[in-house]
Protein backbone atom coordinates (compact mmCIF):
# COMPACT_ATOMS: atom_id res chain seq x y z
CA MET A 1 18.62 -14.38 19.31
CA ASN A 2 16.68 -13.00 16.36
CA GLN A 3 16.09 -15.66 13.74
CA ILE A 4 15.56 -14.26 10.24
CA THR A 5 14.40 -16.66 7.57
CA ALA A 6 14.11 -15.10 4.11
CA ILE A 7 11.59 -16.66 1.76
CA LYS A 8 12.12 -14.94 -1.55
CA GLN A 9 9.22 -15.07 -3.98
CA SER A 10 9.29 -14.22 -7.68
CA ASN A 11 9.45 -10.47 -8.06
CA ILE A 12 7.97 -8.42 -10.88
CA THR A 13 9.64 -9.22 -14.18
CA ASP A 14 10.72 -6.68 -16.80
CA THR A 15 8.30 -8.31 -19.24
CA GLU A 16 5.36 -7.88 -16.89
CA PHE A 17 6.36 -4.29 -16.18
CA LEU A 18 6.72 -3.52 -19.90
CA ASN A 19 3.40 -5.15 -20.78
CA ASP A 20 1.57 -3.23 -18.06
CA VAL A 21 3.14 0.08 -19.11
CA ILE A 22 2.43 -0.32 -22.83
CA SER A 23 -1.09 -1.56 -22.16
CA GLY A 24 -1.83 1.38 -19.87
CA LEU A 25 -0.32 4.06 -22.11
CA THR A 26 -2.22 2.89 -25.19
CA GLN A 27 -5.65 3.30 -23.56
CA GLN A 28 -7.85 6.28 -24.41
CA GLN A 29 -7.27 7.52 -20.86
CA LYS A 30 -3.60 6.71 -20.35
CA THR A 31 -2.89 4.92 -17.06
CA LEU A 32 -0.02 3.33 -15.16
CA PRO A 33 -0.45 0.84 -12.28
CA CYS A 34 0.27 2.44 -8.92
CA LYS A 35 2.15 -0.65 -7.68
CA TYR A 36 5.11 0.42 -9.83
CA PHE A 37 5.61 3.56 -7.72
CA TYR A 38 7.51 1.49 -5.20
CA ASP A 39 10.97 0.91 -6.54
CA ASP A 40 13.60 1.74 -3.94
CA LYS A 41 13.58 5.48 -4.71
CA GLY A 42 9.79 5.59 -4.83
CA ALA A 43 9.52 3.82 -1.48
CA ALA A 44 11.97 6.32 0.05
CA LEU A 45 10.01 9.27 -1.40
CA PHE A 46 6.80 7.88 0.05
CA GLU A 47 8.42 7.71 3.47
CA GLN A 48 9.16 11.45 3.07
CA ILE A 49 5.52 12.09 2.12
CA THR A 50 4.36 10.52 5.38
CA THR A 51 6.18 13.25 7.34
CA LEU A 52 4.70 16.21 5.42
CA GLN A 53 2.40 18.73 7.11
CA GLU A 54 -0.33 18.30 4.49
CA TYR A 55 -0.30 14.49 4.64
CA TYR A 56 -2.52 13.86 7.65
CA VAL A 57 -2.85 10.10 7.10
CA THR A 58 0.28 8.80 8.84
CA ARG A 59 0.29 11.05 11.91
CA THR A 60 -3.45 10.50 12.41
CA GLU A 61 -3.07 6.74 12.22
CA LEU A 62 -0.08 6.84 14.58
CA SER A 63 -2.15 8.82 17.09
CA ILE A 64 -4.84 6.10 16.94
CA LEU A 65 -2.18 3.44 17.50
CA GLU A 66 -0.69 5.36 20.44
CA GLN A 67 -4.10 5.62 22.06
CA HIS A 68 -5.58 2.21 21.25
CA SER A 69 -2.78 -0.35 20.71
CA GLN A 70 -3.42 -1.96 24.08
CA ALA A 71 -7.16 -2.20 23.41
CA ILE A 72 -6.42 -3.82 20.04
CA ALA A 73 -3.97 -6.25 21.63
CA ASP A 74 -6.52 -7.20 24.31
CA LEU A 75 -8.91 -8.43 21.59
CA LEU A 76 -6.33 -10.73 20.01
CA PRO A 77 -5.19 -14.20 21.14
CA GLU A 78 -1.74 -15.14 22.37
CA ASN A 79 0.88 -16.85 20.17
CA LEU A 80 -0.24 -14.83 17.19
CA SER A 81 1.78 -14.33 14.02
CA ILE A 82 1.57 -10.92 12.35
CA ILE A 83 1.79 -10.63 8.56
CA GLU A 84 2.21 -7.10 7.19
CA PRO A 85 1.77 -6.72 3.40
CA GLY A 86 3.58 -3.59 2.19
CA CYS A 87 5.41 -3.23 5.50
CA GLY A 88 7.42 -0.13 4.54
CA SER A 89 9.67 1.01 7.38
CA GLY A 90 7.96 -1.12 10.03
CA LYS A 91 7.26 1.94 12.20
CA LYS A 92 3.54 1.27 12.67
CA VAL A 93 3.73 -2.42 13.47
CA ALA A 94 6.23 -1.57 16.23
CA TYR A 95 3.37 0.07 18.15
CA LEU A 96 1.41 -3.19 18.09
CA LEU A 97 4.41 -5.39 18.85
CA ALA A 98 5.23 -3.28 21.90
CA HIS A 99 1.84 -4.24 23.36
CA MET A 100 1.81 -7.88 22.22
CA ALA A 101 4.56 -9.73 24.05
CA ASN A 102 3.34 -13.15 22.92
CA VAL A 103 3.62 -12.59 19.17
CA LYS A 104 5.83 -15.41 17.95
CA THR A 105 6.54 -14.42 14.34
CA PHE A 106 6.46 -11.28 12.25
CA VAL A 107 6.24 -11.66 8.47
CA PRO A 108 6.97 -8.44 6.56
CA PHE A 109 5.71 -8.88 2.98
CA GLU A 110 7.15 -6.24 0.67
CA ILE A 111 7.72 -5.58 -3.03
CA SER A 112 10.78 -3.38 -2.33
CA GLU A 113 13.88 -5.26 -1.20
CA GLU A 114 15.39 -2.07 0.20
CA MET A 115 12.33 -1.35 2.35
CA LEU A 116 12.28 -4.97 3.50
CA SER A 117 15.90 -4.66 4.63
CA TYR A 118 15.12 -1.31 6.28
CA SER A 119 12.21 -2.76 8.28
CA LEU A 120 14.37 -5.69 9.41
CA ALA A 121 17.13 -3.33 10.55
CA HIS A 122 14.58 -1.19 12.39
CA LEU A 123 12.66 -3.98 14.14
CA SER A 124 15.36 -6.53 14.96
CA PRO A 125 17.04 -4.55 17.77
CA LEU A 126 13.67 -3.45 19.19
CA PHE A 127 12.32 -7.01 19.41
CA PRO A 128 15.35 -9.33 19.68
CA GLU A 129 13.27 -12.41 20.63
CA LEU A 130 10.90 -12.05 17.67
CA ILE A 131 11.28 -14.43 14.74
CA ILE A 132 11.20 -12.32 11.57
CA SER A 133 10.53 -14.15 8.30
CA PRO A 134 10.55 -11.68 5.42
CA LEU A 135 8.79 -12.26 2.11
CA LEU A 136 9.79 -10.41 -1.05
CA GLY A 137 6.91 -10.30 -3.49
CA ASP A 138 3.61 -8.76 -4.61
CA PHE A 139 0.70 -9.28 -2.20
CA THR A 140 -1.76 -8.06 -4.87
CA HIS A 141 -1.11 -11.23 -6.94
CA SER A 142 -3.68 -13.81 -5.88
CA GLN A 143 -1.73 -16.73 -7.33
CA MET A 144 1.40 -15.71 -5.44
CA VAL A 145 -0.53 -15.45 -2.18
CA LYS A 146 -2.21 -18.79 -2.80
CA GLN A 147 1.17 -20.43 -3.43
CA LEU A 148 2.66 -18.73 -0.36
CA THR A 149 0.04 -20.06 1.98
CA LYS A 150 0.53 -23.52 0.52
CA ASP A 151 4.35 -23.44 0.71
CA THR A 152 4.68 -21.85 4.14
CA ALA A 153 1.53 -23.17 5.85
CA LEU A 154 0.69 -19.63 6.93
CA ASP A 155 -3.02 -20.38 6.77
CA SER A 156 -2.64 -23.18 9.35
CA GLN A 157 -1.51 -20.65 12.01
CA THR A 158 -3.50 -17.98 13.83
CA ASN A 159 -2.48 -14.84 11.98
CA LEU A 160 -3.18 -11.14 12.13
CA VAL A 161 -2.87 -9.57 8.68
CA TYR A 162 -1.96 -5.95 9.39
CA PHE A 163 -2.49 -3.50 6.54
CA PRO A 164 -2.08 0.06 7.85
CA GLY A 165 -2.11 3.31 5.93
CA SER A 166 -4.66 3.96 3.21
CA THR A 167 -3.20 1.63 0.58
CA LEU A 168 -6.41 -0.35 0.09
CA GLY A 169 -7.97 2.82 -1.29
CA ASN A 170 -5.44 2.85 -4.14
CA PHE A 171 -7.34 0.03 -5.80
CA ALA A 172 -10.64 -0.02 -7.65
CA PRO A 173 -13.38 -1.80 -5.67
CA VAL A 174 -13.07 -5.06 -7.64
CA LYS A 175 -9.31 -5.21 -7.02
CA ALA A 176 -9.72 -4.13 -3.39
CA ILE A 177 -12.08 -7.07 -2.86
CA GLU A 178 -9.53 -9.41 -4.49
CA ILE A 179 -6.81 -8.09 -2.17
CA MET A 180 -9.02 -8.57 0.89
CA ASN A 181 -9.67 -12.10 -0.32
CA ASN A 182 -5.88 -12.52 -0.32
CA PHE A 183 -5.81 -11.26 3.27
CA HIS A 184 -8.62 -13.67 4.13
CA ARG A 185 -6.45 -16.50 2.80
CA LEU A 186 -3.36 -15.25 4.67
CA CYS A 187 -5.11 -14.84 8.02
CA GLY A 188 -6.53 -18.36 7.99
CA VAL A 189 -9.87 -19.59 9.29
CA ASN A 190 -9.31 -18.36 12.86
CA GLY A 191 -7.37 -15.23 12.01
CA TYR A 192 -7.85 -11.49 11.97
CA VAL A 193 -7.32 -8.61 9.55
CA LEU A 194 -6.54 -5.08 10.80
CA ILE A 195 -6.85 -2.50 8.01
CA GLY A 196 -6.36 1.26 7.91
CA VAL A 197 -9.18 3.13 6.18
CA ASP A 198 -9.08 6.77 5.08
CA LEU A 199 -12.50 8.32 5.67
CA VAL A 200 -14.51 10.83 3.63
CA LYS A 201 -13.71 14.42 4.67
CA GLU A 202 -13.44 18.00 3.38
CA ARG A 203 -12.32 18.15 -0.25
CA GLN A 204 -9.53 20.70 0.25
CA VAL A 205 -7.95 18.65 3.03
CA LEU A 206 -7.80 15.74 0.58
CA LEU A 207 -6.44 17.77 -2.33
CA ASP A 208 -3.70 19.34 -0.21
CA ALA A 209 -2.62 15.93 1.12
CA TYR A 210 -1.81 14.79 -2.43
CA ASN A 211 -0.21 18.02 -3.67
CA ASP A 212 2.21 19.27 -1.02
CA LYS A 213 3.83 22.68 -1.26
CA VAL A 214 7.44 21.44 -1.34
CA GLY A 215 6.80 19.02 -4.22
CA VAL A 216 7.64 15.65 -2.69
CA THR A 217 4.40 14.11 -3.98
CA ALA A 218 5.15 15.48 -7.44
CA ALA A 219 8.61 13.90 -7.32
CA PHE A 220 7.04 10.61 -6.18
CA ASN A 221 4.59 10.68 -9.08
CA LYS A 222 7.25 11.60 -11.66
CA ASN A 223 9.62 8.93 -10.37
CA LEU A 224 7.36 6.40 -12.06
CA LEU A 225 8.40 7.90 -15.41
CA GLN A 226 12.06 7.81 -14.35
CA ARG A 227 11.69 4.14 -13.45
CA ILE A 228 10.36 3.45 -16.96
CA ASN A 229 13.37 5.29 -18.37
CA ASN A 230 15.76 3.28 -16.20
CA GLU A 231 14.26 -0.18 -16.60
CA LEU A 232 12.43 -0.13 -19.95
CA ASN A 233 14.63 2.10 -22.12
CA GLY A 234 12.14 4.95 -21.89
CA THR A 235 12.75 8.49 -23.11
CA PHE A 236 10.44 10.50 -20.82
CA ASN A 237 11.53 14.07 -20.19
CA LEU A 238 10.23 14.60 -16.67
CA ASP A 239 10.21 18.37 -17.12
CA ASN A 240 7.56 17.93 -19.80
CA PHE A 241 5.02 16.60 -17.27
CA SER A 242 3.27 18.22 -14.30
CA HIS A 243 1.82 16.55 -11.25
CA GLU A 244 -1.87 17.15 -10.54
CA SER A 245 -4.31 15.90 -7.89
CA ARG A 246 -8.06 15.85 -8.58
CA PHE A 247 -11.11 14.85 -6.55
CA ASN A 248 -13.59 12.56 -8.31
CA GLU A 249 -16.90 13.11 -6.54
CA GLN A 250 -18.71 10.25 -8.29
CA HIS A 251 -16.22 7.62 -7.13
CA SER A 252 -15.30 9.32 -3.81
CA ARG A 253 -11.59 9.28 -4.61
CA ILE A 254 -8.53 11.42 -5.09
CA GLU A 255 -6.86 10.87 -8.46
CA MET A 256 -3.22 11.59 -9.24
CA HIS A 257 -2.30 12.49 -12.81
CA LEU A 258 0.81 13.40 -14.77
CA VAL A 259 -0.19 16.02 -17.32
CA SER A 260 1.72 16.53 -20.56
CA ASN A 261 2.85 20.15 -20.88
CA CYS A 262 3.14 19.95 -24.67
CA ASN A 263 2.65 17.77 -27.73
CA GLN A 264 5.36 15.13 -27.49
CA SER A 265 6.35 11.56 -28.26
CA VAL A 266 8.06 9.07 -25.96
CA ILE A 267 9.84 5.85 -26.91
CA ILE A 268 9.54 2.84 -24.58
CA ASN A 269 11.48 -0.23 -25.64
CA ASP A 270 11.25 0.83 -29.32
CA GLN A 271 7.50 1.60 -29.13
CA GLN A 272 6.36 5.19 -29.67
CA ILE A 273 3.69 6.72 -27.41
CA ASP A 274 2.26 10.10 -28.44
CA PHE A 275 0.90 12.76 -26.11
CA ILE A 276 -1.04 15.91 -26.89
CA GLU A 277 -0.80 19.00 -24.70
CA ASP A 278 -2.84 18.69 -21.46
CA GLU A 279 -3.35 14.94 -21.92
CA SER A 280 -2.83 13.08 -18.65
CA ILE A 281 -1.58 9.75 -17.38
CA HIS A 282 -3.81 8.58 -14.54
CA THR A 283 -1.32 7.08 -12.07
CA GLU A 284 -3.17 6.52 -8.80
CA ASN A 285 -6.53 6.52 -7.05
CA SER A 286 -7.09 6.91 -3.34
CA HIS A 287 -10.65 5.97 -2.50
CA LYS A 288 -12.22 7.45 0.63
CA TYR A 289 -14.76 5.41 2.55
CA THR A 290 -17.51 5.75 5.08
CA LEU A 291 -17.55 2.99 7.68
CA GLU A 292 -20.71 1.62 6.08
CA SER A 293 -19.25 1.56 2.54
CA PHE A 294 -16.11 -0.17 3.85
CA LYS A 295 -18.19 -2.72 5.76
CA GLN A 296 -20.05 -3.57 2.55
CA LEU A 297 -16.77 -3.89 0.64
CA ALA A 298 -15.29 -6.23 3.26
CA ALA A 299 -18.39 -8.41 3.23
CA GLN A 300 -17.75 -9.18 -0.43
CA ALA A 301 -14.45 -10.77 0.66
CA ASN A 302 -16.31 -12.76 3.34
CA LEU A 303 -14.91 -10.61 6.11
CA THR A 304 -17.03 -9.05 8.84
CA LEU A 305 -16.27 -5.77 10.61
CA GLU A 306 -15.93 -6.40 14.36
CA GLN A 307 -14.40 -3.23 15.81
CA THR A 308 -13.20 0.21 14.73
CA TRP A 309 -10.94 2.83 16.30
CA GLN A 310 -10.97 6.44 15.05
CA ASP A 311 -9.33 9.80 15.75
CA ASP A 312 -11.30 12.69 17.23
CA SER A 313 -11.76 14.36 13.83
CA ASN A 314 -12.99 11.13 12.19
CA TYR A 315 -10.33 11.46 9.50
CA PHE A 316 -9.16 7.84 9.72
CA ALA A 317 -10.15 4.47 11.13
CA LEU A 318 -8.44 1.21 12.05
CA CYS A 319 -10.85 -1.62 11.31
CA LEU A 320 -10.63 -5.14 12.77
CA LEU A 321 -12.13 -7.81 10.51
CA ARG A 322 -12.70 -11.55 10.94
CA PRO A 323 -13.58 -14.27 8.43
CA LEU A 324 -17.29 -15.00 8.11
């Protein structure tokens, strides 16, 4: 019998969302935090992105999992609990679970309630003996993670924190280190962290991955403006903005922008924000790493790189870390 214990944490409040939006849009370079992409519609759009021809990340990572899941499992102890921040559909963790019969608990940790429900519906029939204890909340909030480990005693278990995809690259190095510190806390003293890392590669491959021909990535980017309209009384006209991906050589990252097609003004909760033609809102970064640059980043969160698995083209790596 599958036992599901929901531990619901405080979700993002409208006040926090509003403050972050106004703060970002009143900077000289307008910005919006990428974590707000993932309302229910945004999460569904991202799942579509993962199936696109141009978006190599998901299929490359899945090929690594297909080839190396048993080798990964062989390095991990029995009676392990797996915690997956930003679990999405749960497709990737299923590869690991299929090779790890002695996993006792799976903890999907997700900001989207719809995606949390989807992952539960997907995984429960596949692993009927697995205890699934979902957490609804924001794994990027250090105080929330600290409180979680205290309330649920997660850090007293032997945990594998599984963070697939290239989500870590969405954050500036300082924030990425903070998030890996959160993972350090979640995995506990004797635990493990398995992180997906998108590697440096040809520029055009990167640009195409974030600007697909059928426009799903553009819809994903613009949905952030629609969410502001829906939740914060915004007046964005989505047709007045264009999606654009750029490569920033200095910071080794893809940037996503929403570019204003004209001079215009937008009202958000009674506050006016002005745009001039060609001005952009910087909505997301996706940093690309070498194995050495990632190793140095992890060390700043007191995590050491123990093992990596890569595809034949060296597009992507799964990296196993342990606390120092």
